[in-house]
Amino acid sequence: MADTDYRIVHREDDSFAVEISTSGALPQVAAGFATEDDAKGWIAQDQRLRVAADPFGTPAGRRWRGF
């Protein structure tokens, strides 16, 4: 699984956004959270979905070779 970093940003309009940086991909922003806790909850959900999409943590593009 690619390494993903999250950073919560307090915006000028007092809302919050999450900057998402994943190795090998362009940075993205998820915006529109009313509170920092909402942003943290979104991050936790995104992490769960990423693990569910790749439960064995295999890096993208790497083939499993068996024994």
PDB file of N, CA and C in Angstrom:
ATOM      1  N   MET A   1       0.844  -1.167   0.000  1.00  0.00           N
ATOM      2  CA  MET A   1       0.000   0.000   0.000  1.00  0.00           C
ATOM      3  C   MET A   1       0.891   1.232   0.000  1.00  0.00           C
ATOM      4  N   ALA A   2       0.520   2.219  -0.758  1.00  0.00           N
ATOM      5  CA  ALA A   2       1.301   3.449  -0.837  1.00  0.00           C
ATOM      6  C   ALA A   2       1.201   4.206   0.484  1.00  0.00           C
ATOM      7  N   ASP A   3       2.283   4.892   0.838  1.00  0.00           N
ATOM      8  CA  ASP A   3       2.281   5.708   2.043  1.00  0.00           C
ATOM      9  C   ASP A   3       1.402   6.921   1.826  1.00  0.00           C
ATOM     10  N   THR A   4       0.539   7.188   2.788  1.00  0.00           N
ATOM     11  CA  THR A   4      -0.365   8.337   2.711  1.00  0.00           C
ATOM     12  C   THR A   4      -0.195   9.182   3.964  1.00  0.00           C
ATOM     13  N   ASP A   5      -0.010  10.486   3.766  1.00  0.00           N
ATOM     14  CA  ASP A   5       0.099  11.440   4.868  1.00  0.00           C
ATOM     15  C   ASP A   5      -1.094  12.374   4.827  1.00  0.00           C
ATOM     16  N   TYR A   6      -1.596  12.716   6.012  1.00  0.00           N
ATOM     17  CA  TYR A   6      -2.731  13.621   6.144  1.00  0.00           C
ATOM     18  C   TYR A   6      -2.299  14.830   6.966  1.00  0.00           C
ATOM     19  N   ARG A   7      -2.798  16.000   6.571  1.00  0.00           N
ATOM     20  CA  ARG A   7      -2.519  17.209   7.337  1.00  0.00           C
ATOM     21  C   ARG A   7      -3.796  18.026   7.385  1.00  0.00           C
ATOM     22  N   ILE A   8      -4.223  18.362   8.601  1.00  0.00           N
ATOM     23  CA  ILE A   8      -5.423  19.173   8.777  1.00  0.00           C
ATOM     24  C   ILE A   8      -5.023  20.642   8.701  1.00  0.00           C
ATOM     25  N   VAL A   9      -5.799  21.404   7.920  1.00  0.00           N
ATOM     26  CA  VAL A   9      -5.521  22.823   7.705  1.00  0.00           C
ATOM     27  C   VAL A   9      -6.735  23.638   8.148  1.00  0.00           C
ATOM     28  N   HIS A  10      -6.492  24.643   8.984  1.00  0.00           N
ATOM     29  CA  HIS A  10      -7.551  25.575   9.397  1.00  0.00           C
ATOM     30  C   HIS A  10      -7.597  26.674   8.354  1.00  0.00           C
ATOM     31  N   ARG A  11      -8.730  26.815   7.694  1.00  0.00           N
ATOM     32  CA  ARG A  11      -8.857  27.756   6.575  1.00  0.00           C
ATOM     33  C   ARG A  11      -9.343  29.122   7.039  1.00  0.00           C
ATOM     34  N   GLU A  12      -9.170  30.102   6.177  1.00  0.00           N
ATOM     35  CA  GLU A  12      -9.528  31.483   6.493  1.00  0.00           C
ATOM     36  C   GLU A  12     -11.000  31.662   6.849  1.00  0.00           C
ATOM     37  N   ASP A  13     -11.865  30.831   6.302  1.00  0.00           N
ATOM     38  CA  ASP A  13     -13.302  30.945   6.588  1.00  0.00           C
ATOM     39  C   ASP A  13     -13.710  30.159   7.835  1.00  0.00           C
ATOM     40  N   ASP A  14     -12.719  29.752   8.638  1.00  0.00           N
ATOM     41  CA  ASP A  14     -12.898  28.978   9.877  1.00  0.00           C
ATOM     42  C   ASP A  14     -13.360  27.544   9.644  1.00  0.00           C
ATOM     43  N   SER A  15     -13.353  27.077   8.416  1.00  0.00           N
ATOM     44  CA  SER A  15     -13.603  25.666   8.158  1.00  0.00           C
ATOM     45  C   SER A  15     -12.255  24.946   8.190  1.00  0.00           C
ATOM     46  N   PHE A  16     -12.305  23.638   8.016  1.00  0.00           N
ATOM     47  CA  PHE A  16     -11.089  22.833   8.023  1.00  0.00           C
ATOM     48  C   PHE A  16     -11.015  22.020   6.738  1.00  0.00           C
ATOM     49  N   ALA A  17      -9.811  21.715   6.338  1.00  0.00           N
ATOM     50  CA  ALA A  17      -9.564  20.885   5.161  1.00  0.00           C
ATOM     51  C   ALA A  17      -8.501  19.859   5.519  1.00  0.00           C
ATOM     52  N   VAL A  18      -8.432  18.795   4.743  1.00  0.00           N
ATOM     53  CA  VAL A  18      -7.413  17.767   4.922  1.00  0.00           C
ATOM     54  C   VAL A  18      -6.599  17.693   3.645  1.00  0.00           C
ATOM     55  N   GLU A  19      -5.306  17.902   3.771  1.00  0.00           N
ATOM     56  CA  GLU A  19      -4.391  17.714   2.643  1.00  0.00           C
ATOM     57  C   GLU A  19      -3.926  16.269   2.677  1.00  0.00           C
ATOM     58  N   ILE A  20      -4.066  15.585   1.541  1.00  0.00           N
ATOM     59  CA  ILE A  20      -3.720  14.168   1.432  1.00  0.00           C
ATOM     60  C   ILE A  20      -2.563  14.028   0.462  1.00  0.00           C
ATOM     61  N   SER A  21      -1.462  13.480   0.953  1.00  0.00           N
ATOM     62  CA  SER A  21      -0.287  13.245   0.106  1.00  0.00           C
ATOM     63  C   SER A  21      -0.014  11.752   0.082  1.00  0.00           C
ATOM     64  N   THR A  22      -0.046  11.182  -1.123  1.00  0.00           N
ATOM     65  CA  THR A  22       0.214   9.758  -1.311  1.00  0.00           C
ATOM     66  C   THR A  22       1.397   9.619  -2.248  1.00  0.00           C
ATOM     67  N   SER A  23       2.356   8.776  -1.861  1.00  0.00           N
ATOM     68  CA  SER A  23       3.523   8.603  -2.719  1.00  0.00           C
ATOM     69  C   SER A  23       3.082   8.105  -4.094  1.00  0.00           C
ATOM     70  N   GLY A  24       3.635   8.726  -5.126  1.00  0.00           N
ATOM     71  CA  GLY A  24       3.322   8.340  -6.487  1.00  0.00           C
ATOM     72  C   GLY A  24       2.049   8.958  -7.042  1.00  0.00           C
ATOM     73  N   ALA A  25       1.443   9.897  -6.302  1.00  0.00           N
ATOM     74  CA  ALA A  25       0.206  10.539  -6.778  1.00  0.00           C
ATOM     75  C   ALA A  25       0.262  12.033  -6.480  1.00  0.00           C
ATOM     76  N   LEU A  26      -0.545  12.786  -7.199  1.00  0.00           N
ATOM     77  CA  LEU A  26      -0.627  14.217  -6.944  1.00  0.00           C
ATOM     78  C   LEU A  26      -1.331  14.464  -5.614  1.00  0.00           C
ATOM     79  N   PRO A  27      -0.937  15.499  -4.873  1.00  0.00           N
ATOM     80  CA  PRO A  27      -1.618  15.827  -3.607  1.00  0.00           C
ATOM     81  C   PRO A  27      -3.080  16.190  -3.863  1.00  0.00           C
ATOM     82  N   GLN A  28      -3.922  15.897  -2.882  1.00  0.00           N
ATOM     83  CA  GLN A  28      -5.341  16.203  -2.978  1.00  0.00           C
ATOM     84  C   GLN A  28      -5.784  16.948  -1.729  1.00  0.00           C
ATOM     85  N   VAL A  29      -6.944  17.580  -1.797  1.00  0.00           N
ATOM     86  CA  VAL A  29      -7.510  18.281  -0.651  1.00  0.00           C
ATOM     87  C   VAL A  29      -8.978  17.878  -0.504  1.00  0.00           C
ATOM     88  N   ALA A  30      -9.351  17.513   0.715  1.00  0.00           N
ATOM     89  CA  ALA A  30     -10.755  17.292   1.060  1.00  0.00           C
ATOM     90  C   ALA A  30     -11.143  18.478   1.933  1.00  0.00           C
ATOM     91  N   ALA A  31     -12.099  19.277   1.499  1.00  0.00           N
ATOM     92  CA  ALA A  31     -12.435  20.521   2.194  1.00  0.00           C
ATOM     93  C   ALA A  31     -13.872  20.515   2.676  1.00  0.00           C
ATOM     94  N   GLY A  32     -14.172  21.478   3.544  1.00  0.00           N
ATOM     95  CA  GLY A  32     -15.541  21.687   3.958  1.00  0.00           C
ATOM     96  C   GLY A  32     -15.915  21.084   5.299  1.00  0.00           C
ATOM     97  N   PHE A  33     -14.944  20.806   6.140  1.00  0.00           N
ATOM     98  CA  PHE A  33     -15.241  20.259   7.464  1.00  0.00           C
ATOM     99  C   PHE A  33     -15.499  21.403   8.437  1.00  0.00           C
ATOM    100  N   ALA A  34     -16.571  21.297   9.227  1.00  0.00           N
ATOM    101  CA  ALA A  34     -16.935  22.366  10.151  1.00  0.00           C
ATOM    102  C   ALA A  34     -15.993  22.430  11.352  1.00  0.00           C
ATOM    103  N   THR A  35     -15.498  21.277  11.777  1.00  0.00           N
ATOM    104  CA  THR A  35     -14.618  21.239  12.946  1.00  0.00           C
ATOM    105  C   THR A  35     -13.394  20.381  12.662  1.00  0.00           C
ATOM    106  N   GLU A  36     -12.401  20.538  13.504  1.00  0.00           N
ATOM    107  CA  GLU A  36     -11.204  19.708  13.387  1.00  0.00           C
ATOM    108  C   GLU A  36     -11.542  18.249  13.667  1.00  0.00           C
ATOM    109  N   ASP A  37     -12.464  18.009  14.599  1.00  0.00           N
ATOM    110  CA  ASP A  37     -12.886  16.634  14.887  1.00  0.00           C
ATOM    111  C   ASP A  37     -13.567  15.987  13.684  1.00  0.00           C
ATOM    112  N   ASP A  38     -14.341  16.767  12.921  1.00  0.00           N
ATOM    113  CA  ASP A  38     -14.938  16.237  11.689  1.00  0.00           C
ATOM    114  C   ASP A  38     -13.848  15.806  10.711  1.00  0.00           C
ATOM    115  N   ALA A  39     -12.812  16.627  10.588  1.00  0.00           N
ATOM    116  CA  ALA A  39     -11.697  16.300   9.691  1.00  0.00           C
ATOM    117  C   ALA A  39     -10.968  15.043  10.170  1.00  0.00           C
ATOM    118  N   LYS A  40     -10.755  14.933  11.482  1.00  0.00           N
ATOM    119  CA  LYS A  40     -10.102  13.739  12.036  1.00  0.00           C
ATOM    120  C   LYS A  40     -10.943  12.492  11.778  1.00  0.00           C
ATOM    121  N   GLY A  41     -12.262  12.625  11.920  1.00  0.00           N
ATOM    122  CA  GLY A  41     -13.146  11.490  11.644  1.00  0.00           C
ATOM    123  C   GLY A  41     -13.079  11.067  10.190  1.00  0.00           C
ATOM    124  N   TRP A  42     -13.004  12.045   9.288  1.00  0.00           N
ATOM    125  CA  TRP A  42     -12.889  11.730   7.872  1.00  0.00           C
ATOM    126  C   TRP A  42     -11.579  10.993   7.590  1.00  0.00           C
ATOM    127  N   ILE A  43     -10.494  11.441   8.215  1.00  0.00           N
ATOM    128  CA  ILE A  43      -9.192  10.782   8.033  1.00  0.00           C
ATOM    129  C   ILE A  43      -9.276   9.331   8.492  1.00  0.00           C
ATOM    130  N   ALA A  44      -9.869   9.096   9.658  1.00  0.00           N
ATOM    131  CA  ALA A  44      -9.993   7.727  10.174  1.00  0.00           C
ATOM    132  C   ALA A  44     -10.782   6.852   9.206  1.00  0.00           C
ATOM    133  N   GLN A  45     -11.871   7.389   8.655  1.00  0.00           N
ATOM    134  CA  GLN A  45     -12.670   6.631   7.690  1.00  0.00           C
ATOM    135  C   GLN A  45     -11.876   6.366   6.407  1.00  0.00           C
ATOM    136  N   ASP A  46     -11.152   7.354   5.919  1.00  0.00           N
ATOM    137  CA  ASP A  46     -10.354   7.173   4.715  1.00  0.00           C
ATOM    138  C   ASP A  46      -9.293   6.098   4.925  1.00  0.00           C
ATOM    139  N   GLN A  47      -8.679   6.084   6.099  1.00  0.00           N
ATOM    140  CA  GLN A  47      -7.669   5.066   6.397  1.00  0.00           C
ATOM    141  C   GLN A  47      -8.303   3.682   6.420  1.00  0.00           C
ATOM    142  N   ARG A  48      -9.490   3.546   7.025  1.00  0.00           N
ATOM    143  CA  ARG A  48     -10.182   2.247   7.044  1.00  0.00           C
ATOM    144  C   ARG A  48     -10.501   1.784   5.624  1.00  0.00           C
ATOM    145  N   LEU A  49     -10.964   2.704   4.786  1.00  0.00           N
ATOM    146  CA  LEU A  49     -11.296   2.331   3.406  1.00  0.00           C
ATOM    147  C   LEU A  49     -10.062   1.921   2.615  1.00  0.00           C
ATOM    148  N   ARG A  50      -8.946   2.596   2.842  1.00  0.00           N
ATOM    149  CA  ARG A  50      -7.708   2.223   2.143  1.00  0.00           C
ATOM    150  C   ARG A  50      -7.247   0.824   2.545  1.00  0.00           C
ATOM    151  N   VAL A  51      -7.360   0.493   3.834  1.00  0.00           N
ATOM    152  CA  VAL A  51      -6.975  -0.841   4.302  1.00  0.00           C
ATOM    153  C   VAL A  51      -7.937  -1.887   3.739  1.00  0.00           C
ATOM    154  N   ALA A  52      -9.222  -1.576   3.726  1.00  0.00           N
ATOM    155  CA  ALA A  52     -10.209  -2.517   3.204  1.00  0.00           C
ATOM    156  C   ALA A  52      -9.995  -2.778   1.716  1.00  0.00           C
ATOM    157  N   ALA A  53      -9.542  -1.761   0.991  1.00  0.00           N
ATOM    158  CA  ALA A  53      -9.296  -1.917  -0.442  1.00  0.00           C
ATOM    159  C   ALA A  53      -8.082  -2.789  -0.713  1.00  0.00           C
ATOM    160  N   ASP A  54      -7.153  -2.851   0.240  1.00  0.00           N
ATOM    161  CA  ASP A  54      -5.928  -3.628   0.074  1.00  0.00           C
ATOM    162  C   ASP A  54      -5.568  -4.264   1.421  1.00  0.00           C
ATOM    163  N   PRO A  55      -6.340  -5.265   1.871  1.00  0.00           N
ATOM    164  CA  PRO A  55      -6.174  -5.808   3.220  1.00  0.00           C
ATOM    165  C   PRO A  55      -4.811  -6.438   3.503  1.00  0.00           C
ATOM    166  N   PHE A  56      -4.084  -6.836   2.469  1.00  0.00           N
ATOM    167  CA  PHE A  56      -2.786  -7.451   2.696  1.00  0.00           C
ATOM    168  C   PHE A  56      -1.644  -6.461   2.559  1.00  0.00           C
ATOM    169  N   GLY A  57      -1.975  -5.210   2.289  1.00  0.00           N
ATOM    170  CA  GLY A  57      -0.957  -4.170   2.220  1.00  0.00           C
ATOM    171  C   GLY A  57       0.008  -4.336   1.065  1.00  0.00           C
ATOM    172  N   THR A  58      -0.471  -4.934  -0.032  1.00  0.00           N
ATOM    173  CA  THR A  58       0.425  -5.120  -1.171  1.00  0.00           C
ATOM    174  C   THR A  58       0.577  -3.811  -1.919  1.00  0.00           C
ATOM    175  N   PRO A  59       1.796  -3.400  -2.198  1.00  0.00           N
ATOM    176  CA  PRO A  59       1.991  -2.160  -2.946  1.00  0.00           C
ATOM    177  C   PRO A  59       1.372  -2.263  -4.341  1.00  0.00           C
ATOM    178  N   ALA A  60       0.839  -1.162  -4.813  1.00  0.00           N
ATOM    179  CA  ALA A  60       0.242  -1.138  -6.145  1.00  0.00           C
ATOM    180  C   ALA A  60       1.275  -1.538  -7.181  1.00  0.00           C
ATOM    181  N   GLY A  61       0.867  -2.390  -8.075  1.00  0.00           N
ATOM    182  CA  GLY A  61       1.753  -2.785  -9.156  1.00  0.00           C
ATOM    183  C   GLY A  61       2.659  -3.956  -8.835  1.00  0.00           C
ATOM    184  N   ARG A  62       2.705  -4.396  -7.590  1.00  0.00           N
ATOM    185  CA  ARG A  62       3.553  -5.536  -7.237  1.00  0.00           C
ATOM    186  C   ARG A  62       2.712  -6.807  -7.270  1.00  0.00           C
ATOM    187  N   ARG A  63       3.193  -7.805  -7.925  1.00  0.00           N
ATOM    188  CA  ARG A  63       2.451  -9.059  -8.025  1.00  0.00           C
ATOM    189  C   ARG A  63       2.841  -9.979  -6.885  1.00  0.00           C
ATOM    190  N   TRP A  64       1.834 -10.719  -6.419  1.00  0.00           N
ATOM    191  CA  TRP A  64       2.084 -11.724  -5.401  1.00  0.00           C
ATOM    192  C   TRP A  64       2.678 -12.932  -6.097  1.00  0.00           C
ATOM    193  N   ARG A  65       3.746 -13.468  -5.544  1.00  0.00           N
ATOM    194  CA  ARG A  65       4.455 -14.558  -6.245  1.00  0.00           C
ATOM    195  C   ARG A  65       4.259 -15.918  -5.599  1.00  0.00           C
ATOM    196  N   GLY A  66       3.547 -16.004  -4.520  1.00  0.00           N
ATOM    197  CA  GLY A  66       3.290 -17.314  -3.896  1.00  0.00           C
ATOM    198  C   GLY A  66       4.567 -17.940  -3.354  1.00  0.00           C
ATOM    199  N   PHE A  67       4.461 -19.234  -3.014  1.00  0.00           N
ATOM    200  CA  PHE A  67       5.613 -19.941  -2.432  1.00  0.00           C
ATOM    201  C   PHE A  67       6.277 -20.833  -3.430  1.00  0.00           C
TER     202      PHE A  67
END
